[in-house]
């Protein structure tokens, strides 16, 4: 089964710097990073950790994941990534 996830990516407050993102379909699945590249890597890790925890709790494995990567308005683009 293929799972598709959509992210909301936000710039952090100016005094904090960096970015943060939430995965809409996975309650409580969030990540942050100083750069967009670091955020992307951290989001993949967060999704994999969420899925592993879900599998441990429900016993239902997630075979493959996909999420849509949307960048801040100044750098608008969409990318599909396999986790």
N, C-alpha and C. Protein backbone atom coordinates (compact mmCIF):
# COMPACT_ATOMS: atom_id res chain seq x y z
N UNK A 1 0.85 -1.18 0.00
CA UNK A 1 0.00 0.00 0.00
C UNK A 1 0.89 1.24 0.00
N UNK A 2 0.54 2.20 -0.82
CA UNK A 2 1.30 3.44 -0.93
C UNK A 2 0.56 4.53 -0.16
N UNK A 3 1.26 5.20 0.72
CA UNK A 3 0.68 6.30 1.50
C UNK A 3 1.22 7.62 0.99
N UNK A 4 0.35 8.59 0.84
CA UNK A 4 0.74 9.91 0.38
C UNK A 4 0.51 10.91 1.49
N UNK A 5 1.51 11.73 1.77
CA UNK A 5 1.43 12.72 2.84
C UNK A 5 1.67 14.11 2.28
N UNK A 6 0.99 15.08 2.86
CA UNK A 6 1.14 16.48 2.47
C UNK A 6 1.71 17.25 3.64
N UNK A 7 2.71 18.08 3.36
CA UNK A 7 3.35 18.89 4.40
C UNK A 7 2.94 20.35 4.29
N UNK A 8 2.90 20.99 5.42
CA UNK A 8 2.84 22.45 5.46
C UNK A 8 4.20 22.88 6.00
N UNK A 9 4.91 23.70 5.23
CA UNK A 9 6.24 24.17 5.61
C UNK A 9 6.15 25.64 5.96
N UNK A 10 6.72 26.01 7.11
CA UNK A 10 6.66 27.38 7.61
C UNK A 10 8.06 27.89 7.93
N UNK A 11 8.25 29.18 7.75
CA UNK A 11 9.47 29.80 8.23
C UNK A 11 9.28 30.06 9.72
N UNK A 12 10.32 29.79 10.49
CA UNK A 12 10.27 30.05 11.93
C UNK A 12 10.28 31.56 12.18
N UNK A 13 10.02 31.93 13.39
CA UNK A 13 10.06 33.35 13.76
C UNK A 13 11.46 33.89 13.47
N UNK A 14 11.55 35.17 13.07
CA UNK A 14 12.86 35.74 12.70
C UNK A 14 13.94 35.57 13.78
N UNK A 15 13.58 35.68 15.04
CA UNK A 15 14.58 35.55 16.10
C UNK A 15 15.00 34.10 16.33
N UNK A 16 14.24 33.13 15.78
CA UNK A 16 14.57 31.72 15.93
C UNK A 16 15.31 31.20 14.70
N UNK A 17 14.92 31.63 13.51
CA UNK A 17 15.53 31.17 12.27
C UNK A 17 15.11 29.76 11.91
N UNK A 18 15.39 29.38 10.67
CA UNK A 18 15.09 28.04 10.21
C UNK A 18 13.65 27.87 9.76
N UNK A 19 13.24 26.60 9.69
CA UNK A 19 11.93 26.23 9.19
C UNK A 19 11.35 25.12 10.04
N UNK A 20 10.03 24.96 9.95
CA UNK A 20 9.39 23.81 10.58
C UNK A 20 8.26 23.34 9.68
N UNK A 21 7.89 22.08 9.84
CA UNK A 21 6.85 21.51 8.99
C UNK A 21 5.99 20.56 9.80
N UNK A 22 4.74 20.43 9.35
CA UNK A 22 3.84 19.45 9.94
C UNK A 22 3.27 18.59 8.82
N UNK A 23 3.07 17.31 9.12
CA UNK A 23 2.51 16.37 8.16
C UNK A 23 1.03 16.28 8.47
N UNK A 24 0.20 16.78 7.57
CA UNK A 24 -1.23 16.89 7.83
C UNK A 24 -1.89 15.55 8.17
N UNK A 25 -1.51 14.50 7.48
CA UNK A 25 -2.19 13.22 7.65
C UNK A 25 -1.71 12.43 8.88
N UNK A 26 -0.63 12.86 9.52
CA UNK A 26 -0.08 12.13 10.67
C UNK A 26 -0.12 13.03 11.90
N UNK A 27 -1.09 12.83 12.74
CA UNK A 27 -1.29 13.67 13.92
C UNK A 27 -0.03 13.74 14.78
N UNK A 28 0.43 14.97 15.01
CA UNK A 28 1.59 15.18 15.86
C UNK A 28 2.93 14.98 15.18
N UNK A 29 2.94 14.71 13.89
CA UNK A 29 4.20 14.49 13.17
C UNK A 29 4.71 15.83 12.66
N UNK A 30 5.77 16.33 13.30
CA UNK A 30 6.36 17.62 12.94
C UNK A 30 7.88 17.47 12.92
N UNK A 31 8.53 18.42 12.26
CA UNK A 31 9.99 18.43 12.22
C UNK A 31 10.44 19.88 12.04
N UNK A 32 11.72 20.11 12.32
CA UNK A 32 12.29 21.44 12.11
C UNK A 32 13.70 21.29 11.59
N UNK A 33 14.22 22.36 11.00
CA UNK A 33 15.59 22.37 10.50
C UNK A 33 16.04 23.80 10.26
N UNK A 34 17.34 23.99 10.33
CA UNK A 34 17.91 25.32 10.10
C UNK A 34 17.84 25.71 8.62
N UNK A 35 17.91 24.71 7.73
CA UNK A 35 17.83 24.94 6.29
C UNK A 35 16.71 24.07 5.73
N UNK A 36 16.29 24.35 4.49
CA UNK A 36 15.27 23.51 3.86
C UNK A 36 15.78 22.09 3.64
N UNK A 37 17.06 21.94 3.32
CA UNK A 37 17.62 20.60 3.14
C UNK A 37 17.59 19.81 4.45
N UNK A 38 17.96 20.48 5.55
CA UNK A 38 17.92 19.82 6.86
C UNK A 38 16.48 19.49 7.23
N UNK A 39 15.56 20.40 6.96
CA UNK A 39 14.15 20.15 7.25
C UNK A 39 13.66 18.95 6.48
N UNK A 40 13.98 18.87 5.19
CA UNK A 40 13.54 17.74 4.37
C UNK A 40 14.02 16.42 4.95
N UNK A 41 15.27 16.36 5.33
CA UNK A 41 15.82 15.15 5.93
C UNK A 41 15.12 14.82 7.24
N UNK A 42 14.89 15.84 8.06
CA UNK A 42 14.24 15.63 9.35
C UNK A 42 12.78 15.21 9.19
N UNK A 43 12.11 15.71 8.16
CA UNK A 43 10.72 15.29 7.90
C UNK A 43 10.68 13.81 7.53
N UNK A 44 11.60 13.38 6.68
CA UNK A 44 11.65 11.96 6.33
C UNK A 44 11.86 11.10 7.57
N UNK A 45 12.77 11.53 8.45
CA UNK A 45 13.01 10.80 9.69
C UNK A 45 11.76 10.77 10.57
N UNK A 46 11.07 11.92 10.65
CA UNK A 46 9.87 12.01 11.48
C UNK A 46 8.76 11.10 10.96
N UNK A 47 8.58 11.06 9.63
CA UNK A 47 7.56 10.19 9.04
C UNK A 47 7.89 8.73 9.34
N UNK A 48 9.14 8.35 9.14
CA UNK A 48 9.53 6.97 9.39
C UNK A 48 9.35 6.59 10.85
N UNK A 49 9.69 7.50 11.77
CA UNK A 49 9.50 7.23 13.20
C UNK A 49 8.02 7.12 13.54
N UNK A 50 7.20 8.01 12.97
CA UNK A 50 5.76 7.97 13.23
C UNK A 50 5.18 6.65 12.74
N UNK A 51 5.57 6.24 11.52
CA UNK A 51 5.06 4.99 10.96
C UNK A 51 5.50 3.78 11.80
N UNK A 52 6.76 3.77 12.26
CA UNK A 52 7.25 2.67 13.08
C UNK A 52 6.49 2.59 14.39
N UNK A 53 6.23 3.74 15.00
CA UNK A 53 5.46 3.78 16.24
C UNK A 53 4.04 3.30 16.00
N UNK A 54 3.45 3.74 14.89
CA UNK A 54 2.10 3.31 14.54
C UNK A 54 2.05 1.79 14.38
N UNK A 55 3.05 1.25 13.71
CA UNK A 55 3.11 -0.20 13.51
C UNK A 55 3.23 -0.93 14.85
N UNK A 56 4.06 -0.40 15.75
CA UNK A 56 4.20 -1.00 17.07
C UNK A 56 2.89 -0.98 17.86
N UNK A 57 2.14 0.12 17.72
CA UNK A 57 0.90 0.26 18.48
C UNK A 57 -0.27 -0.50 17.87
N UNK A 58 -0.41 -0.47 16.53
CA UNK A 58 -1.56 -1.13 15.91
C UNK A 58 -1.22 -2.47 15.27
N UNK A 59 0.06 -2.70 15.04
CA UNK A 59 0.45 -3.92 14.36
C UNK A 59 0.24 -3.88 12.86
N UNK A 60 -0.04 -2.69 12.28
CA UNK A 60 -0.24 -2.56 10.84
C UNK A 60 0.98 -1.89 10.22
N UNK A 61 1.76 -2.64 9.43
CA UNK A 61 2.93 -2.04 8.79
C UNK A 61 2.54 -1.07 7.68
N UNK A 62 3.37 -0.08 7.47
CA UNK A 62 3.21 0.85 6.36
C UNK A 62 4.30 0.48 5.36
N UNK A 63 3.90 0.04 4.17
CA UNK A 63 4.87 -0.50 3.23
C UNK A 63 5.70 0.55 2.50
N UNK A 64 5.10 1.66 2.11
CA UNK A 64 5.84 2.70 1.40
C UNK A 64 5.14 4.03 1.62
N UNK A 65 5.93 5.08 1.73
CA UNK A 65 5.39 6.42 1.98
C UNK A 65 5.79 7.37 0.87
N UNK A 66 4.93 8.35 0.65
CA UNK A 66 5.22 9.44 -0.28
C UNK A 66 4.71 10.70 0.38
N UNK A 67 5.47 11.79 0.30
CA UNK A 67 4.92 13.05 0.76
C UNK A 67 5.17 14.12 -0.28
N UNK A 68 4.34 15.15 -0.24
CA UNK A 68 4.47 16.28 -1.15
C UNK A 68 5.24 17.37 -0.44
N UNK A 69 6.30 17.81 -1.04
CA UNK A 69 7.19 18.80 -0.44
C UNK A 69 6.85 20.16 -1.01
N UNK A 70 6.26 21.06 -0.21
CA UNK A 70 5.90 22.40 -0.66
C UNK A 70 6.79 23.40 0.05
N UNK A 71 7.50 24.20 -0.72
CA UNK A 71 8.43 25.17 -0.14
C UNK A 71 7.71 26.48 0.17
N UNK A 72 8.32 27.33 1.00
CA UNK A 72 7.73 28.64 1.31
C UNK A 72 7.43 29.43 0.04
N UNK A 73 6.53 30.38 0.14
CA UNK A 73 6.03 31.13 -1.00
C UNK A 73 7.14 31.68 -1.89
N UNK A 74 8.24 32.10 -1.32
CA UNK A 74 9.33 32.66 -2.11
C UNK A 74 10.00 31.61 -2.99
N UNK A 75 9.82 30.33 -2.62
CA UNK A 75 10.47 29.25 -3.36
C UNK A 75 9.44 28.17 -3.68
N UNK A 76 8.32 28.55 -4.25
CA UNK A 76 7.21 27.63 -4.45
C UNK A 76 7.59 26.54 -5.44
N UNK A 77 7.44 25.30 -5.00
CA UNK A 77 7.58 24.14 -5.87
C UNK A 77 7.01 22.95 -5.12
N UNK A 78 6.77 21.88 -5.83
CA UNK A 78 6.25 20.66 -5.22
C UNK A 78 7.12 19.52 -5.67
N UNK A 79 7.42 18.62 -4.76
CA UNK A 79 8.26 17.48 -5.06
C UNK A 79 7.68 16.27 -4.35
N UNK A 80 7.62 15.14 -5.03
CA UNK A 80 7.16 13.91 -4.40
C UNK A 80 8.38 13.09 -4.05
N UNK A 81 8.44 12.64 -2.80
CA UNK A 81 9.60 11.91 -2.30
C UNK A 81 9.16 10.60 -1.71
N UNK A 82 9.87 9.54 -2.01
CA UNK A 82 9.58 8.24 -1.42
C UNK A 82 10.42 8.09 -0.14
N UNK A 83 9.76 7.81 0.97
CA UNK A 83 10.47 7.66 2.24
C UNK A 83 10.98 6.25 2.39
